[in-house]
């Protein structure tokens, strides 16, 4: 799955519900896809992952696909406790 993902490319997280710290925030940009994925898995409440989408270039990943990227063998960042 992650073979086409450039971990260092900038990425955006979108939410269909208010899942970020601010109730009005439904979009957040990250300097790398790896950082966006780490934020989605380690910082956001687990129950909200199903309503989150990650966009990186022409690729779009939703819900559990983001978790799969986080657990991919080539994920470049150190994983946290989740």
PDB file of N, CA and C in Angstrom:
ATOM      1  N   UNK A   1       0.812  -1.203   0.000  1.00  0.00           N
ATOM      2  CA  UNK A   1       0.000   0.000   0.000  1.00  0.00           C
ATOM      3  C   UNK A   1       0.851   1.260   0.000  1.00  0.00           C
ATOM      4  N   UNK A   2       1.917   1.315   0.786  1.00  0.00           N
ATOM      5  CA  UNK A   2       2.697   2.534   0.922  1.00  0.00           C
ATOM      6  C   UNK A   2       3.740   2.710  -0.166  1.00  0.00           C
ATOM      7  N   UNK A   3       3.832   1.784  -1.124  1.00  0.00           N
ATOM      8  CA  UNK A   3       4.847   1.866  -2.167  1.00  0.00           C
ATOM      9  C   UNK A   3       4.721   3.155  -2.979  1.00  0.00           C
ATOM     10  N   UNK A   4       3.508   3.664  -3.153  1.00  0.00           N
ATOM     11  CA  UNK A   4       3.321   4.876  -3.951  1.00  0.00           C
ATOM     12  C   UNK A   4       3.297   6.146  -3.101  1.00  0.00           C
ATOM     13  N   UNK A   5       3.363   6.025  -1.809  1.00  0.00           N
ATOM     14  CA  UNK A   5       3.296   7.188  -0.926  1.00  0.00           C
ATOM     15  C   UNK A   5       4.690   7.750  -0.681  1.00  0.00           C
ATOM     16  N   UNK A   6       4.845   9.034  -0.921  1.00  0.00           N
ATOM     17  CA  UNK A   6       6.097   9.729  -0.607  1.00  0.00           C
ATOM     18  C   UNK A   6       5.959  10.250   0.822  1.00  0.00           C
ATOM     19  N   UNK A   7       6.614   9.581   1.756  1.00  0.00           N
ATOM     20  CA  UNK A   7       6.500   9.917   3.183  1.00  0.00           C
ATOM     21  C   UNK A   7       6.893  11.364   3.474  1.00  0.00           C
ATOM     22  N   UNK A   8       7.789  11.935   2.669  1.00  0.00           N
ATOM     23  CA  UNK A   8       8.292  13.281   2.950  1.00  0.00           C
ATOM     24  C   UNK A   8       7.489  14.383   2.258  1.00  0.00           C
ATOM     25  N   UNK A   9       6.544  14.028   1.402  1.00  0.00           N
ATOM     26  CA  UNK A   9       5.726  15.027   0.710  1.00  0.00           C
ATOM     27  C   UNK A   9       4.725  15.659   1.669  1.00  0.00           C
ATOM     28  N   UNK A  10       4.407  16.922   1.434  1.00  0.00           N
ATOM     29  CA  UNK A  10       3.414  17.586   2.288  1.00  0.00           C
ATOM     30  C   UNK A  10       2.067  16.878   2.154  1.00  0.00           C
ATOM     31  N   UNK A  11       1.261  16.969   3.207  1.00  0.00           N
ATOM     32  CA  UNK A  11      -0.017  16.264   3.237  1.00  0.00           C
ATOM     33  C   UNK A  11      -1.040  17.059   4.025  1.00  0.00           C
ATOM     34  N   UNK A  12      -2.304  16.758   3.764  1.00  0.00           N
ATOM     35  CA  UNK A  12      -3.416  17.397   4.464  1.00  0.00           C
ATOM     36  C   UNK A  12      -4.296  16.337   5.105  1.00  0.00           C
ATOM     37  N   UNK A  13      -4.828  16.677   6.271  1.00  0.00           N
ATOM     38  CA  UNK A  13      -5.835  15.849   6.928  1.00  0.00           C
ATOM     39  C   UNK A  13      -7.156  16.602   6.870  1.00  0.00           C
ATOM     40  N   UNK A  14      -8.194  15.901   6.462  1.00  0.00           N
ATOM     41  CA  UNK A  14      -9.538  16.453   6.411  1.00  0.00           C
ATOM     42  C   UNK A  14     -10.435  15.620   7.307  1.00  0.00           C
ATOM     43  N   UNK A  15     -11.389  16.292   7.919  1.00  0.00           N
ATOM     44  CA  UNK A  15     -12.323  15.587   8.781  1.00  0.00           C
ATOM     45  C   UNK A  15     -13.744  15.972   8.418  1.00  0.00           C
ATOM     46  N   UNK A  16     -14.632  14.984   8.461  1.00  0.00           N
ATOM     47  CA  UNK A  16     -16.044  15.271   8.192  1.00  0.00           C
ATOM     48  C   UNK A  16     -16.776  15.706   9.454  1.00  0.00           C
ATOM     49  N   UNK A  17     -16.106  15.610  10.596  1.00  0.00           N
ATOM     50  CA  UNK A  17     -16.653  16.097  11.862  1.00  0.00           C
ATOM     51  C   UNK A  17     -15.571  16.899  12.570  1.00  0.00           C
ATOM     52  N   UNK A  18     -15.938  17.612  13.604  1.00  0.00           N
ATOM     53  CA  UNK A  18     -14.967  18.421  14.340  1.00  0.00           C
ATOM     54  C   UNK A  18     -14.130  17.513  15.236  1.00  0.00           C
ATOM     55  N   UNK A  19     -13.022  17.000  14.699  1.00  0.00           N
ATOM     56  CA  UNK A  19     -12.202  16.067  15.458  1.00  0.00           C
ATOM     57  C   UNK A  19     -10.897  16.680  15.944  1.00  0.00           C
ATOM     58  N   UNK A  20     -10.516  17.804  15.389  1.00  0.00           N
ATOM     59  CA  UNK A  20      -9.283  18.443  15.827  1.00  0.00           C
ATOM     60  C   UNK A  20      -9.546  19.248  17.094  1.00  0.00           C
ATOM     61  N   UNK A  21      -8.526  19.839  17.659  1.00  0.00           N
ATOM     62  CA  UNK A  21      -8.657  20.536  18.941  1.00  0.00           C
ATOM     63  C   UNK A  21      -9.678  21.671  18.888  1.00  0.00           C
ATOM     64  N   UNK A  22      -9.737  22.366  17.784  1.00  0.00           N
ATOM     65  CA  UNK A  22     -10.712  23.435  17.641  1.00  0.00           C
ATOM     66  C   UNK A  22     -11.989  22.868  17.023  1.00  0.00           C
ATOM     67  N   UNK A  23     -13.124  23.215  17.537  1.00  0.00           N
ATOM     68  CA  UNK A  23     -14.387  22.689  17.025  1.00  0.00           C
ATOM     69  C   UNK A  23     -14.606  23.098  15.573  1.00  0.00           C
ATOM     70  N   UNK A  24     -14.033  24.230  15.138  1.00  0.00           N
ATOM     71  CA  UNK A  24     -14.233  24.714  13.783  1.00  0.00           C
ATOM     72  C   UNK A  24     -13.208  24.171  12.793  1.00  0.00           C
ATOM     73  N   UNK A  25     -12.177  23.526  13.282  1.00  0.00           N
ATOM     74  CA  UNK A  25     -11.102  23.055  12.420  1.00  0.00           C
ATOM     75  C   UNK A  25     -11.446  21.707  11.796  1.00  0.00           C
ATOM     76  N   UNK A  26     -11.439  21.656  10.476  1.00  0.00           N
ATOM     77  CA  UNK A  26     -11.707  20.414   9.762  1.00  0.00           C
ATOM     78  C   UNK A  26     -10.610  20.122   8.753  1.00  0.00           C
ATOM     79  N   UNK A  27      -9.532  20.900   8.777  1.00  0.00           N
ATOM     80  CA  UNK A  27      -8.438  20.758   7.833  1.00  0.00           C
ATOM     81  C   UNK A  27      -7.136  21.104   8.550  1.00  0.00           C
ATOM     82  N   UNK A  28      -6.104  20.330   8.280  1.00  0.00           N
ATOM     83  CA  UNK A  28      -4.797  20.647   8.838  1.00  0.00           C
ATOM     84  C   UNK A  28      -3.736  20.203   7.847  1.00  0.00           C
ATOM     85  N   UNK A  29      -2.753  21.053   7.618  1.00  0.00           N
ATOM     86  CA  UNK A  29      -1.675  20.764   6.675  1.00  0.00           C
ATOM     87  C   UNK A  29      -0.420  20.386   7.453  1.00  0.00           C
ATOM     88  N   UNK A  30       0.337  19.430   6.920  1.00  0.00           N
ATOM     89  CA  UNK A  30       1.561  18.946   7.557  1.00  0.00           C
ATOM     90  C   UNK A  30       2.710  18.990   6.558  1.00  0.00           C
ATOM     91  N   UNK A  31       3.931  19.196   7.049  1.00  0.00           N
ATOM     92  CA  UNK A  31       5.082  19.244   6.144  1.00  0.00           C
ATOM     93  C   UNK A  31       5.405  17.888   5.509  1.00  0.00           C
ATOM     94  N   UNK A  32       4.934  16.801   6.112  1.00  0.00           N
ATOM     95  CA  UNK A  32       5.172  15.476   5.528  1.00  0.00           C
ATOM     96  C   UNK A  32       3.989  14.553   5.793  1.00  0.00           C
ATOM     97  N   UNK A  33       3.818  13.595   4.898  1.00  0.00           N
ATOM     98  CA  UNK A  33       2.755  12.605   5.070  1.00  0.00           C
ATOM     99  C   UNK A  33       2.976  11.799   6.344  1.00  0.00           C
ATOM    100  N   UNK A  34       4.232  11.485   6.634  1.00  0.00           N
ATOM    101  CA  UNK A  34       4.535  10.714   7.842  1.00  0.00           C
ATOM    102  C   UNK A  34       4.065  11.449   9.100  1.00  0.00           C
ATOM    103  N   UNK A  35       4.271  12.758   9.149  1.00  0.00           N
ATOM    104  CA  UNK A  35       3.834  13.536  10.315  1.00  0.00           C
ATOM    105  C   UNK A  35       2.314  13.607  10.403  1.00  0.00           C
ATOM    106  N   UNK A  36       1.648  13.726   9.259  1.00  0.00           N
ATOM    107  CA  UNK A  36       0.185  13.756   9.255  1.00  0.00           C
ATOM    108  C   UNK A  36      -0.377  12.429   9.756  1.00  0.00           C
ATOM    109  N   UNK A  37       0.230  11.336   9.324  1.00  0.00           N
ATOM    110  CA  UNK A  37      -0.212  10.010   9.753  1.00  0.00           C
ATOM    111  C   UNK A  37       0.011   9.835  11.246  1.00  0.00           C
ATOM    112  N   UNK A  38       1.173  10.261  11.722  1.00  0.00           N
ATOM    113  CA  UNK A  38       1.441  10.145  13.160  1.00  0.00           C
ATOM    114  C   UNK A  38       0.430  10.953  13.965  1.00  0.00           C
ATOM    115  N   UNK A  39       0.113  12.169  13.508  1.00  0.00           N
ATOM    116  CA  UNK A  39      -0.877  12.987  14.205  1.00  0.00           C
ATOM    117  C   UNK A  39      -2.233  12.280  14.239  1.00  0.00           C
ATOM    118  N   UNK A  40      -2.662  11.750  13.109  1.00  0.00           N
ATOM    119  CA  UNK A  40      -3.971  11.092  13.030  1.00  0.00           C
ATOM    120  C   UNK A  40      -4.060   9.905  13.979  1.00  0.00           C
ATOM    121  N   UNK A  41      -2.989   9.153  14.104  1.00  0.00           N
ATOM    122  CA  UNK A  41      -3.017   7.945  14.926  1.00  0.00           C
ATOM    123  C   UNK A  41      -2.716   8.242  16.392  1.00  0.00           C
ATOM    124  N   UNK A  42      -1.759   9.090  16.665  1.00  0.00           N
ATOM    125  CA  UNK A  42      -1.316   9.297  18.046  1.00  0.00           C
ATOM    126  C   UNK A  42      -2.002  10.444  18.768  1.00  0.00           C
ATOM    127  N   UNK A  43      -2.512  11.432  18.052  1.00  0.00           N
ATOM    128  CA  UNK A  43      -3.062  12.620  18.709  1.00  0.00           C
ATOM    129  C   UNK A  43      -4.590  12.706  18.648  1.00  0.00           C
ATOM    130  N   UNK A  44      -5.178  12.147  17.639  1.00  0.00           N
ATOM    131  CA  UNK A  44      -6.629  12.245  17.506  1.00  0.00           C
ATOM    132  C   UNK A  44      -7.308  11.105  18.267  1.00  0.00           C
ATOM    133  N   UNK A  45      -8.503  11.316  18.765  1.00  0.00           N
ATOM    134  CA  UNK A  45      -9.234  10.229  19.423  1.00  0.00           C
ATOM    135  C   UNK A  45      -9.448   9.070  18.444  1.00  0.00           C
ATOM    136  N   UNK A  46      -9.271   7.853  18.906  1.00  0.00           N
ATOM    137  CA  UNK A  46      -9.377   6.662  18.042  1.00  0.00           C
ATOM    138  C   UNK A  46     -10.702   6.590  17.304  1.00  0.00           C
ATOM    139  N   UNK A  47     -11.767   6.915  17.970  1.00  0.00           N
ATOM    140  CA  UNK A  47     -13.102   6.790  17.374  1.00  0.00           C
ATOM    141  C   UNK A  47     -13.303   7.715  16.182  1.00  0.00           C
ATOM    142  N   UNK A  48     -12.520   8.753  16.064  1.00  0.00           N
ATOM    143  CA  UNK A  48     -12.719   9.709  14.976  1.00  0.00           C
ATOM    144  C   UNK A  48     -11.948   9.345  13.710  1.00  0.00           C
ATOM    145  N   UNK A  49     -11.086   8.339  13.761  1.00  0.00           N
ATOM    146  CA  UNK A  49     -10.277   7.990  12.594  1.00  0.00           C
ATOM    147  C   UNK A  49     -11.146   7.655  11.384  1.00  0.00           C
ATOM    148  N   UNK A  50     -12.291   7.046  11.596  1.00  0.00           N
ATOM    149  CA  UNK A  50     -13.150   6.660  10.463  1.00  0.00           C
ATOM    150  C   UNK A  50     -13.668   7.866   9.681  1.00  0.00           C
ATOM    151  N   UNK A  51     -13.613   9.051  10.269  1.00  0.00           N
ATOM    152  CA  UNK A  51     -14.112  10.246   9.582  1.00  0.00           C
ATOM    153  C   UNK A  51     -12.989  11.146   9.083  1.00  0.00           C
ATOM    154  N   UNK A  52     -11.768  10.611   9.019  1.00  0.00           N
ATOM    155  CA  UNK A  52     -10.600  11.396   8.611  1.00  0.00           C
ATOM    156  C   UNK A  52     -10.080  10.898   7.270  1.00  0.00           C
ATOM    157  N   UNK A  53      -9.638  11.847   6.442  1.00  0.00           N
ATOM    158  CA  UNK A  53      -9.008  11.516   5.162  1.00  0.00           C
ATOM    159  C   UNK A  53      -7.659  12.209   5.086  1.00  0.00           C
ATOM    160  N   UNK A  54      -6.684  11.521   4.549  1.00  0.00           N
ATOM    161  CA  UNK A  54      -5.342  12.042   4.325  1.00  0.00           C
ATOM    162  C   UNK A  54      -5.154  12.197   2.827  1.00  0.00           C
ATOM    163  N   UNK A  55      -4.721  13.371   2.396  1.00  0.00           N
ATOM    164  CA  UNK A  55      -4.408  13.586   0.993  1.00  0.00           C
ATOM    165  C   UNK A  55      -2.952  13.975   0.873  1.00  0.00           C
ATOM    166  N   UNK A  56      -2.282  13.280  -0.040  1.00  0.00           N
ATOM    167  CA  UNK A  56      -0.870  13.524  -0.298  1.00  0.00           C
ATOM    168  C   UNK A  56      -0.682  13.402  -1.808  1.00  0.00           C
ATOM    169  N   UNK A  57      -0.482  14.532  -2.467  1.00  0.00           N
ATOM    170  CA  UNK A  57      -0.414  14.511  -3.924  1.00  0.00           C
ATOM    171  C   UNK A  57      -1.750  14.049  -4.491  1.00  0.00           C
ATOM    172  N   UNK A  58      -1.709  13.054  -5.360  1.00  0.00           N
ATOM    173  CA  UNK A  58      -2.937  12.516  -5.960  1.00  0.00           C
ATOM    174  C   UNK A  58      -3.529  11.357  -5.172  1.00  0.00           C
ATOM    175  N   UNK A  59      -2.891  11.001  -4.075  1.00  0.00           N
ATOM    176  CA  UNK A  59      -3.339   9.864  -3.268  1.00  0.00           C
ATOM    177  C   UNK A  59      -4.267  10.326  -2.142  1.00  0.00           C
ATOM    178  N   UNK A  60      -5.265   9.505  -1.849  1.00  0.00           N
ATOM    179  CA  UNK A  60      -6.188   9.785  -0.746  1.00  0.00           C
ATOM    180  C   UNK A  60      -6.369   8.493   0.051  1.00  0.00           C
ATOM    181  N   UNK A  61      -6.244   8.615   1.374  1.00  0.00           N
ATOM    182  CA  UNK A  61      -6.394   7.477   2.280  1.00  0.00           C
ATOM    183  C   UNK A  61      -7.415   7.861   3.334  1.00  0.00           C
ATOM    184  N   UNK A  62      -8.289   6.924   3.675  1.00  0.00           N
ATOM    185  CA  UNK A  62      -9.334   7.204   4.655  1.00  0.00           C
ATOM    186  C   UNK A  62      -9.333   6.162   5.755  1.00  0.00           C
ATOM    187  N   UNK A  63      -9.724   6.579   6.947  1.00  0.00           N
ATOM    188  CA  UNK A  63      -9.951   5.685   8.075  1.00  0.00           C
ATOM    189  C   UNK A  63      -8.854   4.678   8.324  1.00  0.00           C
ATOM    190  N   UNK A  64      -9.206   3.412   8.231  1.00  0.00           N
ATOM    191  CA  UNK A  64      -8.269   2.333   8.557  1.00  0.00           C
ATOM    192  C   UNK A  64      -7.075   2.282   7.619  1.00  0.00           C
ATOM    193  N   UNK A  65      -7.194   2.822   6.416  1.00  0.00           N
ATOM    194  CA  UNK A  65      -6.046   2.871   5.505  1.00  0.00           C
ATOM    195  C   UNK A  65      -4.939   3.738   6.104  1.00  0.00           C
ATOM    196  N   UNK A  66      -5.301   4.753   6.865  1.00  0.00           N
ATOM    197  CA  UNK A  66      -4.304   5.599   7.538  1.00  0.00           C
ATOM    198  C   UNK A  66      -3.594   4.789   8.613  1.00  0.00           C
ATOM    199  N   UNK A  67      -4.335   3.981   9.349  1.00  0.00           N
ATOM    200  CA  UNK A  67      -3.726   3.122  10.372  1.00  0.00           C
ATOM    201  C   UNK A  67      -2.778   2.105   9.721  1.00  0.00           C
ATOM    202  N   UNK A  68      -3.158   1.557   8.586  1.00  0.00           N
ATOM    203  CA  UNK A  68      -2.290   0.615   7.879  1.00  0.00           C
ATOM    204  C   UNK A  68      -0.983   1.279   7.453  1.00  0.00           C
ATOM    205  N   UNK A  69      -1.056   2.531   7.014  1.00  0.00           N
ATOM    206  CA  UNK A  69       0.167   3.261   6.655  1.00  0.00           C
ATOM    207  C   UNK A  69       1.065   3.442   7.874  1.00  0.00           C
ATOM    208  N   UNK A  70       0.464   3.743   9.001  1.00  0.00           N
ATOM    209  CA  UNK A  70       1.222   3.942  10.248  1.00  0.00           C
ATOM    210  C   UNK A  70       1.970   2.670  10.640  1.00  0.00           C
ATOM    211  N   UNK A  71       1.378   1.520  10.370  1.00  0.00           N
ATOM    212  CA  UNK A  71       1.999   0.242  10.739  1.00  0.00           C
ATOM    213  C   UNK A  71       2.793  -0.388   9.595  1.00  0.00           C
ATOM    214  N   UNK A  72       2.920   0.316   8.485  1.00  0.00           N
ATOM    215  CA  UNK A  72       3.688  -0.205   7.350  1.00  0.00           C
ATOM    216  C   UNK A  72       5.164  -0.366   7.742  1.00  0.00           C
ATOM    217  N   UNK A  73       5.821  -1.398   7.247  1.00  0.00           N
ATOM    218  CA  UNK A  73       7.233  -1.630   7.591  1.00  0.00           C
ATOM    219  C   UNK A  73       8.157  -0.465   7.212  1.00  0.00           C
ATOM    220  N   UNK A  74       7.797   0.282   6.170  1.00  0.00           N
ATOM    221  CA  UNK A  74       8.663   1.381   5.742  1.00  0.00           C
ATOM    222  C   UNK A  74       8.263   2.743   6.319  1.00  0.00           C
ATOM    223  N   UNK A  75       7.334   2.772   7.267  1.00  0.00           N
ATOM    224  CA  UNK A  75       6.963   4.040   7.918  1.00  0.00           C
ATOM    225  C   UNK A  75       8.219   4.625   8.556  1.00  0.00           C
ATOM    226  N   UNK A  76       8.599   5.858   8.213  1.00  0.00           N
ATOM    227  CA  UNK A  76       9.914   6.379   8.592  1.00  0.00           C
ATOM    228  C   UNK A  76      10.059   6.953  10.004  1.00  0.00           C
ATOM    229  N   UNK A  77       8.987   7.225  10.705  1.00  0.00           N
ATOM    230  CA  UNK A  77       9.093   7.854  12.021  1.00  0.00           C
ATOM    231  C   UNK A  77       8.952   6.827  13.132  1.00  0.00           C
ATOM    232  N   UNK A  78       9.483   7.173  14.285  1.00  0.00           N
ATOM    233  CA  UNK A  78       9.327   6.301  15.452  1.00  0.00           C
ATOM    234  C   UNK A  78       7.876   6.330  15.892  1.00  0.00           C
ATOM    235  N   UNK A  79       7.315   5.164  16.147  1.00  0.00           N
ATOM    236  CA  UNK A  79       5.918   5.072  16.564  1.00  0.00           C
ATOM    237  C   UNK A  79       5.784   5.286  18.061  1.00  0.00           C
ATOM    238  N   UNK A  80       4.658   5.864  18.458  1.00  0.00           N
ATOM    239  CA  UNK A  80       4.373   6.094  19.866  1.00  0.00           C
ATOM    240  C   UNK A  80       3.723   4.871  20.494  1.00  0.00           C
ATOM    241  N   UNK A  81       2.965   5.104  21.528  1.00  0.00           N
ATOM    242  CA  UNK A  81       2.346   4.005  22.299  1.00  0.00           C
ATOM    243  C   UNK A  81       1.138   3.397  21.612  1.00  0.00           C
ATOM    244  N   UNK A  82       0.488   4.098  20.703  1.00  0.00           N
ATOM    245  CA  UNK A  82      -0.697   3.550  20.045  1.00  0.00           C
ATOM    246  C   UNK A  82      -0.246   2.644  18.973  1.00  0.00           C
TER     247      UNK A  82
END
